[in-house]
Amino acid sequence: SSISNFFRRSLRRSSRREGKEDACGAELHPCRVAQGKPGERSSILHAAGQFFFEYLVLVSLKKMSDGRYEPKITYQFPKRENLLKGQKEEEERLLQAIPLFCFPDGNNWAPVTHFTSETFSFVLTNMDGSRKIGYCRRLLPSGRGVRLPEVFCIISCLGCFGLFSKILDEVEKRRQISMAVIYPFMQGLRESPFPAPGKTVTIKSFIPESGTELIELTRPVDAHLEHVEFQALLQRLSPQLILHIFASAVLERRLIFLAQELSALSQCIHAVAALLYPFTWAHTYIPVVPECLLDTVCCPTPFMVGIQMRHLERVLEQPMEEALIVDLCEGKILRAVGDEEEILPIKLQNEVLTSLNKHNNNNNAQTPEQLNSLVSEAFVQFFVRLVGHYASHIKWSKSGSGTFQERAFCKAITSKSSRKFLKRFVKTNMFSLFIEEAEKSRIPQGGK
């Protein structure tokens, strides 16, 4: 019951609060840091019945006069017409930013004969705080001889990585036949409502020489885990290192993740952000940082970013403040503050560690969904044990407004190490946002 009570209010929380802006900016503009907040777990991003997506775009590399390649949108579906001035400006900002995140590697490309397809995602935050997720499939178009990779990007406000990966599988399959075959499939998808958790939607799609296919798209039952793959994190990092990263994230420090593959960066950063559930990372969040935005690591405020390993030297040369730098290729921490082992209460830390070791050892015996649920539960239990009593320390006035009694809340914890950590945690932005919502969310009892 403690878990259900803990979740009851948190699931209704908004991922953004007025007056809680980040110092790095949140405008959808290619010359500024386009940041996101990984609240894919919020109800806004999971509302059934919404459109699956806003746009499908194809981003291709165009050769410039200096011999380098620049990413450009060469296909867009649907084309939106009769937009109001504000809507048109927003769309232009979005379409300018997308190519930058589809090819964050920079402009040094060369045609190739072989290329392994990869799937990754990015998050953009608009000026009004609304978020859009870009689901990308980078592939080599069919043909002979050397060719340049291209990226199909689906823009959606819905967070469901597994579902959109399957959609991109279908897009890639049709791309090998003809671009013309993609349009009817995406049109059918756009006309279908986004299913509720655990439900399935079936898309009919005709493919030449194959006939009509029925494509079933099913959402996981646990909506708050549908944008997460904890297995990607466990395969690259030891449980002990994951706990060090979690401790840094809980205290809202600066975190930099390095990997060769864009897919590894986006998967692992989404997984780290999901460990904070039911709290939400409320600062700069860029799963894949474009090369031209590497100075993001100089930001003095908290951030969680992913950078390709080939930029390691440039990152280390930046005049950054204290940060945790994680090498996902070698599974090690390159730079740390130094107190990561001492942040979390030792008893609770050991409980989570035991649970992670158990799941890690039985990795092959579990489905990804089962693993996601078990890992998430271990960290939820951490928060329940630590702050699950928050509701009993909100004092309610006759008018129905609540006031959180922080001092009494902290004193209610008998363990000295837990209380020490709690006094730091209550000062974080993520806890403040959580409590602000709780103070507004009194649930009437007994018809009162």
Protein backbone atom coordinates (compact mmCIF):
# COMPACT_ATOMS: atom_id res chain seq x y z
CA SER A 1 0.00 0.00 0.00
CA SER A 2 2.93 2.33 0.64
CA ILE A 3 3.98 2.08 -3.01
CA SER A 4 0.47 2.73 -4.33
CA ASN A 5 0.05 5.71 -2.02
CA PHE A 6 3.46 7.01 -3.07
CA PHE A 7 2.54 6.77 -6.76
CA ARG A 8 -0.99 8.06 -6.43
CA ARG A 9 -0.07 11.73 -6.49
CA SER A 10 3.21 11.48 -8.38
CA LEU A 11 1.59 10.10 -11.53
CA ARG A 12 -0.37 13.32 -11.92
CA ARG A 13 2.61 15.60 -11.63
CA SER A 14 3.52 17.96 -14.39
CA SER A 15 7.12 17.70 -15.56
CA ARG A 16 7.54 21.46 -15.56
CA ARG A 17 6.66 24.27 -13.14
CA GLU A 18 6.44 27.96 -13.87
CA GLY A 19 9.43 29.80 -12.45
CA LYS A 20 11.65 26.70 -12.45
CA GLU A 21 13.55 27.50 -15.64
CA ASP A 22 17.00 26.13 -16.24
CA ALA A 23 19.87 28.54 -16.76
CA CYS A 24 20.92 26.92 -20.03
CA GLY A 25 17.70 27.86 -21.81
CA ALA A 26 14.95 25.71 -23.27
CA GLU A 27 14.22 27.27 -26.62
CA LEU A 28 13.81 25.08 -29.68
CA HIS A 29 16.55 26.73 -31.66
CA PRO A 30 19.54 25.05 -33.33
CA CYS A 31 21.97 27.68 -32.09
CA ARG A 32 21.04 27.17 -28.47
CA VAL A 33 20.97 24.18 -26.19
CA ALA A 34 17.78 22.33 -26.98
CA GLN A 35 17.09 20.57 -23.74
CA GLY A 36 14.52 18.14 -22.57
CA LYS A 37 13.19 16.83 -19.33
CA PRO A 38 12.94 13.08 -19.21
CA GLY A 39 9.43 13.02 -17.82
CA GLU A 40 8.30 10.55 -20.45
CA ARG A 41 6.63 8.90 -17.49
CA SER A 42 4.12 11.73 -17.07
CA SER A 43 0.51 11.30 -18.15
CA ILE A 44 0.90 14.05 -20.77
CA LEU A 45 3.16 11.80 -22.80
CA HIS A 46 1.02 8.70 -22.45
CA ALA A 47 -2.53 9.92 -23.08
CA ALA A 48 -4.38 7.30 -25.10
CA GLY A 49 -6.19 8.51 -28.21
CA GLN A 50 -3.60 11.09 -29.25
CA PHE A 51 -1.94 11.08 -32.64
CA PHE A 52 0.99 8.69 -32.75
CA PHE A 53 3.23 11.37 -34.19
CA GLU A 54 3.41 14.92 -35.50
CA TYR A 55 5.92 14.46 -38.30
CA LEU A 56 7.99 11.91 -40.12
CA VAL A 57 11.02 13.53 -41.74
CA LEU A 58 13.88 12.17 -43.79
CA VAL A 59 17.21 13.88 -43.11
CA SER A 60 19.84 13.47 -45.81
CA LEU A 61 23.46 14.62 -46.08
CA LYS A 62 24.00 17.28 -48.75
CA LYS A 63 27.51 18.06 -50.01
CA MET A 64 28.51 21.68 -49.56
CA SER A 65 30.95 23.77 -51.63
CA ASP A 66 33.75 23.18 -49.09
CA GLY A 67 33.44 19.40 -49.51
CA ARG A 68 31.76 18.78 -46.15
CA TYR A 69 28.26 17.43 -45.71
CA GLU A 70 25.36 19.21 -44.05
CA PRO A 71 22.18 17.44 -42.90
CA LYS A 72 18.98 18.69 -44.53
CA ILE A 73 15.34 17.63 -44.37
CA THR A 74 14.49 16.19 -47.78
CA TYR A 75 11.08 14.67 -46.99
CA GLN A 76 8.35 15.66 -44.56
CA PHE A 77 5.01 14.06 -43.78
CA PRO A 78 2.53 15.56 -43.28
CA LYS A 79 2.98 18.99 -44.79
CA ARG A 80 1.06 21.39 -42.59
CA GLU A 81 -0.69 24.32 -44.22
CA ASN A 82 -2.77 27.27 -43.02
CA LEU A 83 -0.76 27.60 -39.82
CA LEU A 84 -1.12 30.65 -37.62
CA LYS A 85 1.97 32.88 -37.32
CA GLY A 86 3.00 31.49 -33.92
CA GLN A 87 2.48 27.90 -35.07
CA LYS A 88 4.52 28.51 -38.21
CA GLU A 89 7.41 30.01 -36.22
CA GLU A 90 7.36 27.03 -33.85
CA GLU A 91 7.38 24.60 -36.77
CA GLU A 92 10.31 26.41 -38.37
CA ARG A 93 12.33 26.21 -35.15
CA LEU A 94 11.55 22.51 -34.87
CA LEU A 95 12.49 21.75 -38.47
CA GLN A 96 15.75 23.69 -38.10
CA ALA A 97 16.75 21.76 -34.98
CA ILE A 98 15.90 18.23 -36.15
CA PRO A 99 18.81 17.74 -38.63
CA LEU A 100 21.30 18.82 -35.98
CA PHE A 101 20.17 16.02 -33.66
CA CYS A 102 19.78 13.42 -36.41
CA PHE A 103 23.46 13.88 -37.34
CA PRO A 104 25.08 15.08 -34.10
CA ASP A 105 28.43 13.67 -35.25
CA GLY A 106 29.38 16.76 -37.24
CA ASN A 107 30.00 17.30 -40.95
CA ASN A 108 32.90 14.91 -41.65
CA TRP A 109 31.16 12.15 -43.58
CA ALA A 110 32.09 10.05 -46.59
CA PRO A 111 30.01 7.71 -48.77
CA VAL A 112 30.19 4.05 -47.70
CA THR A 113 29.06 0.64 -48.99
CA HIS A 114 28.14 -0.84 -45.60
CA PHE A 115 26.51 0.74 -42.56
CA THR A 116 24.82 -0.90 -39.57
CA SER A 117 21.43 0.65 -38.85
CA GLU A 118 21.07 2.26 -35.45
CA THR A 119 18.15 3.59 -33.44
CA PHE A 120 18.35 6.46 -30.97
CA SER A 121 16.23 9.28 -29.62
CA PHE A 122 16.51 12.90 -28.54
CA VAL A 123 14.34 15.32 -26.60
CA LEU A 124 13.52 18.93 -27.45
CA THR A 125 11.71 21.41 -25.24
CA ASN A 126 9.69 24.21 -26.75
CA MET A 127 9.48 27.72 -25.32
CA ASP A 128 6.13 26.95 -23.64
CA GLY A 129 7.62 23.92 -21.88
CA SER A 130 5.98 21.30 -24.11
CA ARG A 131 8.28 18.48 -25.11
CA LYS A 132 8.83 16.62 -28.32
CA ILE A 133 10.76 13.38 -28.72
CA GLY A 134 12.64 12.50 -31.88
CA TYR A 135 12.85 8.78 -32.63
CA CYS A 136 15.60 8.18 -35.19
CA ARG A 137 16.64 5.31 -37.43
CA ARG A 138 19.93 5.91 -39.22
CA LEU A 139 20.38 3.57 -42.18
CA LEU A 140 21.99 3.14 -45.56
CA PRO A 141 19.44 3.32 -48.40
CA SER A 142 19.30 0.37 -50.77
CA GLY A 143 21.42 0.55 -53.89
CA ARG A 144 24.83 -0.29 -55.31
CA GLY A 145 28.18 1.32 -54.74
CA VAL A 146 29.01 3.92 -52.10
CA ARG A 147 26.13 5.83 -50.52
CA LEU A 148 25.54 8.23 -47.66
CA PRO A 149 23.55 7.26 -44.56
CA GLU A 150 20.20 8.94 -43.99
CA VAL A 151 17.97 9.31 -40.95
CA PHE A 152 14.25 8.78 -40.65
CA CYS A 153 13.01 10.76 -37.66
CA ILE A 154 9.55 10.52 -36.12
CA ILE A 155 8.61 13.54 -33.99
CA SER A 156 6.06 12.80 -31.28
CA CYS A 157 5.03 14.13 -27.88
CA LEU A 158 4.54 10.53 -26.74
CA GLY A 159 7.25 8.62 -24.89
CA CYS A 160 7.34 4.96 -25.91
CA PHE A 161 10.73 3.92 -27.28
CA GLY A 162 9.89 0.27 -27.90
CA LEU A 163 6.74 1.07 -29.85
CA PHE A 164 8.42 3.65 -32.06
CA SER A 165 11.38 1.32 -32.66
CA LYS A 166 8.93 -1.17 -34.14
CA ILE A 167 7.39 1.58 -36.29
CA LEU A 168 10.88 2.49 -37.55
CA ASP A 169 11.44 -1.19 -38.38
CA GLU A 170 8.46 -0.95 -40.72
CA VAL A 171 9.69 2.34 -42.18
CA GLU A 172 13.12 0.82 -42.87
CA LYS A 173 11.58 -2.25 -44.50
CA ARG A 174 9.53 -0.04 -46.82
CA ARG A 175 12.49 2.22 -47.56
CA GLN A 176 14.29 -0.74 -49.12
CA ILE A 177 11.37 -1.08 -51.54
CA SER A 178 10.43 2.52 -52.28
CA MET A 179 9.83 5.83 -50.51
CA ALA A 180 6.33 5.73 -52.01
CA VAL A 181 5.43 2.72 -49.84
CA ILE A 182 6.20 4.62 -46.63
CA TYR A 183 3.48 7.25 -47.09
CA PRO A 184 0.37 4.99 -46.89
CA PHE A 185 1.77 3.20 -43.84
CA MET A 186 2.42 6.46 -41.97
CA GLN A 187 -0.96 7.81 -43.06
CA GLY A 188 -2.65 4.74 -41.58
CA LEU A 189 -0.63 5.16 -38.40
CA ARG A 190 -1.55 8.83 -38.13
CA GLU A 191 -5.24 7.99 -38.45
CA SER A 192 -5.03 5.44 -35.64
CA PRO A 193 -5.42 6.45 -31.98
CA PHE A 194 -2.53 5.91 -29.57
CA PRO A 195 -3.52 2.82 -27.53
CA ALA A 196 -3.99 2.73 -23.77
CA PRO A 197 -1.39 0.84 -21.67
CA GLY A 198 -1.56 -2.88 -22.37
CA LYS A 199 -3.75 -2.37 -25.44
CA THR A 200 -3.00 -3.02 -29.13
CA VAL A 201 -3.73 -1.09 -32.29
CA THR A 202 -3.64 -2.83 -35.67
CA ILE A 203 -2.46 -1.01 -38.80
CA LYS A 204 -3.30 -2.31 -42.27
CA SER A 205 -0.58 -1.71 -44.81
CA PHE A 206 -0.21 -2.81 -48.42
CA ILE A 207 3.23 -3.75 -49.75
CA PRO A 208 3.77 -4.54 -53.44
CA GLU A 209 4.35 -8.27 -54.10
CA SER A 210 3.53 -9.04 -50.46
CA GLY A 211 -0.10 -7.91 -50.25
CA THR A 212 -1.82 -6.39 -47.23
CA GLU A 213 -0.03 -6.76 -43.91
CA LEU A 214 -1.53 -6.36 -40.44
CA ILE A 215 0.93 -4.67 -38.08
CA GLU A 216 0.12 -4.88 -34.38
CA LEU A 217 1.52 -2.22 -32.05
CA THR A 218 1.12 -2.95 -28.35
CA ARG A 219 1.92 -0.67 -25.42
CA PRO A 220 3.42 -2.17 -22.26
CA VAL A 221 1.12 -2.45 -19.25
CA ASP A 222 3.49 -0.34 -17.13
CA ALA A 223 3.27 2.99 -18.94
CA HIS A 224 5.97 4.65 -16.82
CA LEU A 225 8.53 2.11 -18.09
CA GLU A 226 7.76 2.11 -21.80
CA HIS A 227 10.57 4.52 -22.68
CA VAL A 228 13.17 2.54 -20.73
CA GLU A 229 15.62 -0.31 -21.31
CA PHE A 230 17.46 -1.00 -18.06
CA GLN A 231 19.16 -3.95 -19.70
CA ALA A 232 21.27 -1.52 -21.77
CA LEU A 233 22.57 0.03 -18.55
CA LEU A 234 23.22 -3.28 -16.77
CA GLN A 235 25.14 -4.62 -19.75
CA ARG A 236 27.58 -1.70 -19.66
CA LEU A 237 27.96 -0.82 -16.00
CA SER A 238 28.33 -2.76 -12.76
CA PRO A 239 25.56 -2.41 -10.15
CA GLN A 240 28.02 -0.54 -7.90
CA LEU A 241 28.72 2.06 -10.60
CA ILE A 242 25.00 2.40 -11.34
CA LEU A 243 24.48 3.25 -7.67
CA HIS A 244 27.22 5.91 -7.82
CA ILE A 245 25.51 7.44 -10.85
CA PHE A 246 22.12 7.26 -9.16
CA ALA A 247 23.53 9.00 -6.07
CA SER A 248 24.89 11.83 -8.22
CA ALA A 249 21.60 12.17 -10.12
CA VAL A 250 19.55 12.23 -6.90
CA LEU A 251 21.60 15.21 -5.70
CA GLU A 252 21.20 16.87 -9.12
CA ARG A 253 24.85 17.03 -10.07
CA ARG A 254 26.39 17.29 -13.52
CA LEU A 255 26.57 13.95 -15.37
CA ILE A 256 28.33 13.26 -18.68
CA PHE A 257 28.00 9.91 -20.45
CA LEU A 258 30.37 8.83 -23.23
CA ALA A 259 29.86 6.08 -25.83
CA GLN A 260 30.63 5.36 -29.46
CA GLU A 261 27.06 4.54 -30.49
CA LEU A 262 24.20 7.02 -30.39
CA SER A 263 21.86 4.19 -29.43
CA ALA A 264 23.91 3.37 -26.32
CA LEU A 265 23.91 7.01 -25.23
CA SER A 266 20.17 7.54 -25.56
CA GLN A 267 19.22 4.17 -24.04
CA CYS A 268 21.50 4.52 -21.02
CA ILE A 269 20.62 8.14 -20.26
CA HIS A 270 16.90 7.41 -20.46
CA ALA A 271 17.52 4.49 -18.09
CA VAL A 272 19.42 6.64 -15.56
CA ALA A 273 16.66 9.26 -15.63
CA ALA A 274 14.07 6.52 -15.07
CA LEU A 275 15.84 5.36 -11.89
CA LEU A 276 14.59 8.59 -10.28
CA TYR A 277 10.91 7.62 -10.68
CA PRO A 278 8.51 8.89 -9.33
CA PHE A 279 10.70 12.02 -9.25
CA THR A 280 11.74 13.74 -12.47
CA TRP A 281 15.05 15.19 -13.60
CA ALA A 282 14.22 18.89 -14.00
CA HIS A 283 17.40 20.26 -15.52
CA THR A 284 19.26 20.23 -18.84
CA TYR A 285 18.81 16.82 -20.43
CA ILE A 286 20.37 16.01 -23.82
CA PRO A 287 20.76 12.27 -24.52
CA VAL A 288 22.88 12.99 -27.60
CA VAL A 289 24.76 16.31 -27.73
CA PRO A 290 25.47 17.63 -31.26
CA GLU A 291 29.12 18.44 -31.90
CA CYS A 292 28.42 22.18 -32.15
CA LEU A 293 26.91 22.19 -28.64
CA LEU A 294 29.76 20.52 -26.76
CA ASP A 295 30.25 23.61 -24.62
CA THR A 296 27.08 22.52 -22.81
CA VAL A 297 29.46 20.83 -20.36
CA CYS A 298 30.52 24.32 -19.20
CA CYS A 299 27.02 24.99 -17.93
CA PRO A 300 27.19 25.82 -14.18
CA THR A 301 23.79 24.27 -13.45
CA PRO A 302 22.96 20.52 -13.25
CA PHE A 303 22.82 18.58 -16.51
CA MET A 304 22.63 15.03 -17.83
CA VAL A 305 24.13 14.71 -21.30
CA GLY A 306 25.46 12.09 -23.71
CA ILE A 307 28.54 12.73 -25.87
CA GLN A 308 30.21 10.53 -28.45
CA MET A 309 33.51 9.06 -27.28
CA ARG A 310 35.51 10.67 -30.09
CA HIS A 311 34.92 14.04 -28.42
CA LEU A 312 36.44 12.95 -25.10
CA GLU A 313 39.56 15.12 -25.36
CA ARG A 314 37.53 18.20 -26.26
CA VAL A 315 35.23 17.56 -23.31
CA LEU A 316 38.11 17.19 -20.86
CA GLU A 317 39.64 20.44 -22.14
CA GLN A 318 36.48 22.40 -21.35
CA PRO A 319 36.55 24.63 -18.23
CA MET A 320 33.78 22.68 -16.51
CA GLU A 321 32.85 22.52 -12.85
CA GLU A 322 32.75 19.24 -10.92
CA ALA A 323 31.06 16.51 -12.94
CA LEU A 324 30.70 12.75 -13.03
CA ILE A 325 32.05 11.46 -16.36
CA VAL A 326 31.00 7.91 -17.26
CA ASP A 327 32.63 5.79 -19.97
CA LEU A 328 29.91 3.43 -21.25
CA CYS A 329 32.36 1.66 -23.58
CA GLU A 330 34.74 0.50 -20.84
CA GLY A 331 32.16 0.49 -18.05
CA LYS A 332 34.04 2.84 -15.78
CA ILE A 333 33.98 6.32 -14.29
CA LEU A 334 36.61 8.65 -15.78
CA ARG A 335 36.10 11.55 -13.41
CA ALA A 336 34.21 11.78 -10.13
CA VAL A 337 33.60 14.21 -7.30
CA GLY A 338 34.96 11.60 -4.88
CA ASP A 339 32.14 11.17 -2.38
CA GLU A 340 29.82 9.00 -4.49
CA GLU A 341 30.15 5.97 -2.19
CA GLU A 342 29.15 8.03 0.84
CA ILE A 343 26.04 9.81 -0.49
CA LEU A 344 23.37 7.14 -0.04
CA PRO A 345 22.46 5.61 3.34
CA ILE A 346 24.53 2.43 3.55
CA LYS A 347 21.68 0.10 4.54
CA LEU A 348 19.38 1.25 1.74
CA GLN A 349 22.30 1.27 -0.68
CA ASN A 350 23.09 -2.36 0.12
CA GLU A 351 19.45 -3.36 -0.35
CA VAL A 352 19.38 -1.87 -3.85
CA LEU A 353 22.78 -3.36 -4.64
CA THR A 354 21.63 -6.84 -3.61
CA SER A 355 18.57 -6.50 -5.80
CA LEU A 356 20.58 -5.29 -8.82
CA ASN A 357 23.12 -8.10 -8.45
CA LYS A 358 20.33 -10.65 -8.34
CA HIS A 359 18.68 -9.27 -11.48
CA ASN A 360 22.01 -8.93 -13.25
CA ASN A 361 22.91 -12.56 -12.58
CA ASN A 362 19.54 -13.74 -13.93
CA ASN A 363 19.56 -11.35 -16.89
CA ASN A 364 19.04 -14.03 -19.52
CA ALA A 365 16.14 -15.62 -17.65
CA GLN A 366 14.00 -12.49 -17.78
CA THR A 367 12.21 -10.62 -20.51
CA PRO A 368 13.18 -6.95 -20.94
CA GLU A 369 9.77 -5.98 -19.51
CA GLN A 370 10.30 -8.13 -16.41
CA LEU A 371 13.78 -6.73 -15.90
CA ASN A 372 12.49 -3.16 -16.26
CA SER A 373 9.82 -3.79 -13.65
CA LEU A 374 12.16 -5.46 -11.16
CA VAL A 375 14.91 -2.83 -11.44
CA SER A 376 12.43 0.02 -11.15
CA GLU A 377 10.85 -1.59 -8.10
CA ALA A 378 14.22 -1.74 -6.33
CA PHE A 379 14.70 2.03 -6.68
CA VAL A 380 11.06 2.81 -5.90
CA GLN A 381 11.47 0.88 -2.65
CA PHE A 382 14.51 3.06 -1.89
CA PHE A 383 12.35 6.18 -2.16
CA VAL A 384 9.41 4.63 -0.31
CA ARG A 385 11.64 3.71 2.62
CA LEU A 386 13.19 7.16 2.64
CA VAL A 387 10.38 9.60 1.82
CA GLY A 388 7.23 7.46 1.72
CA HIS A 389 5.95 9.24 4.86
CA TYR A 390 5.80 12.67 3.15
CA ALA A 391 1.98 12.79 3.02
CA SER A 392 1.64 12.66 6.82
CA HIS A 393 3.80 15.79 7.09
CA ILE A 394 1.64 18.06 4.95
CA LYS A 395 -0.45 20.33 7.14
CA TRP A 396 -3.80 21.20 5.59
CA SER A 397 -5.65 24.48 6.18
CA LYS A 398 -9.43 24.83 6.21
CA SER A 399 -9.26 26.28 2.71
CA GLY A 400 -7.68 23.05 1.46
CA SER A 401 -4.16 24.32 0.82
CA GLY A 402 -1.26 22.28 2.16
CA THR A 403 2.03 23.25 3.78
CA PHE A 404 4.88 20.78 3.95
CA GLN A 405 6.51 20.44 7.39
CA GLU A 406 10.08 19.82 6.29
CA ARG A 407 11.71 19.73 9.72
CA ALA A 408 9.23 17.24 11.17
CA PHE A 409 9.48 15.18 7.99
CA CYS A 410 13.26 14.82 8.38
CA LYS A 411 13.13 14.19 12.13
CA ALA A 412 10.68 11.32 11.58
CA ILE A 413 13.55 9.26 10.17
CA THR A 414 15.36 7.51 13.04
CA SER A 415 18.47 6.41 11.12
CA LYS A 416 21.20 9.07 11.34
CA SER A 417 22.66 8.23 7.92
CA SER A 418 19.22 8.30 6.29
CA ARG A 419 18.37 11.59 7.97
CA LYS A 420 21.68 13.09 6.83
CA PHE A 421 20.94 12.15 3.23
CA LEU A 422 17.32 13.27 3.49
CA LYS A 423 18.34 16.77 4.58
CA ARG A 424 20.27 17.09 1.32
CA PHE A 425 17.61 15.50 -0.84
CA VAL A 426 14.80 17.82 0.34
CA LYS A 427 16.81 20.76 -1.03
CA THR A 428 16.78 19.39 -4.59
CA ASN A 429 14.58 20.78 -7.32
CA MET A 430 13.04 17.38 -8.04
CA PHE A 431 11.85 16.98 -4.45
CA SER A 432 10.56 20.57 -4.32
CA LEU A 433 8.49 20.04 -7.47
CA PHE A 434 7.14 16.78 -6.09
CA ILE A 435 6.07 18.43 -2.81
CA GLU A 436 4.62 21.48 -4.57
CA GLU A 437 2.26 19.16 -6.43
CA ALA A 438 1.45 17.20 -3.29
CA GLU A 439 0.51 20.44 -1.49
CA LYS A 440 -2.07 21.10 -4.22
CA SER A 441 -3.37 17.56 -4.51
CA ARG A 442 -5.31 16.77 -1.39
CA ILE A 443 -7.60 13.84 -2.06
CA PRO A 444 -10.96 14.25 -0.23
CA GLN A 445 -11.77 11.32 2.04
CA GLY A 446 -15.20 10.09 3.01
CA GLY A 447 -16.93 12.61 0.75
CA LYS A 448 -15.49 15.62 2.60
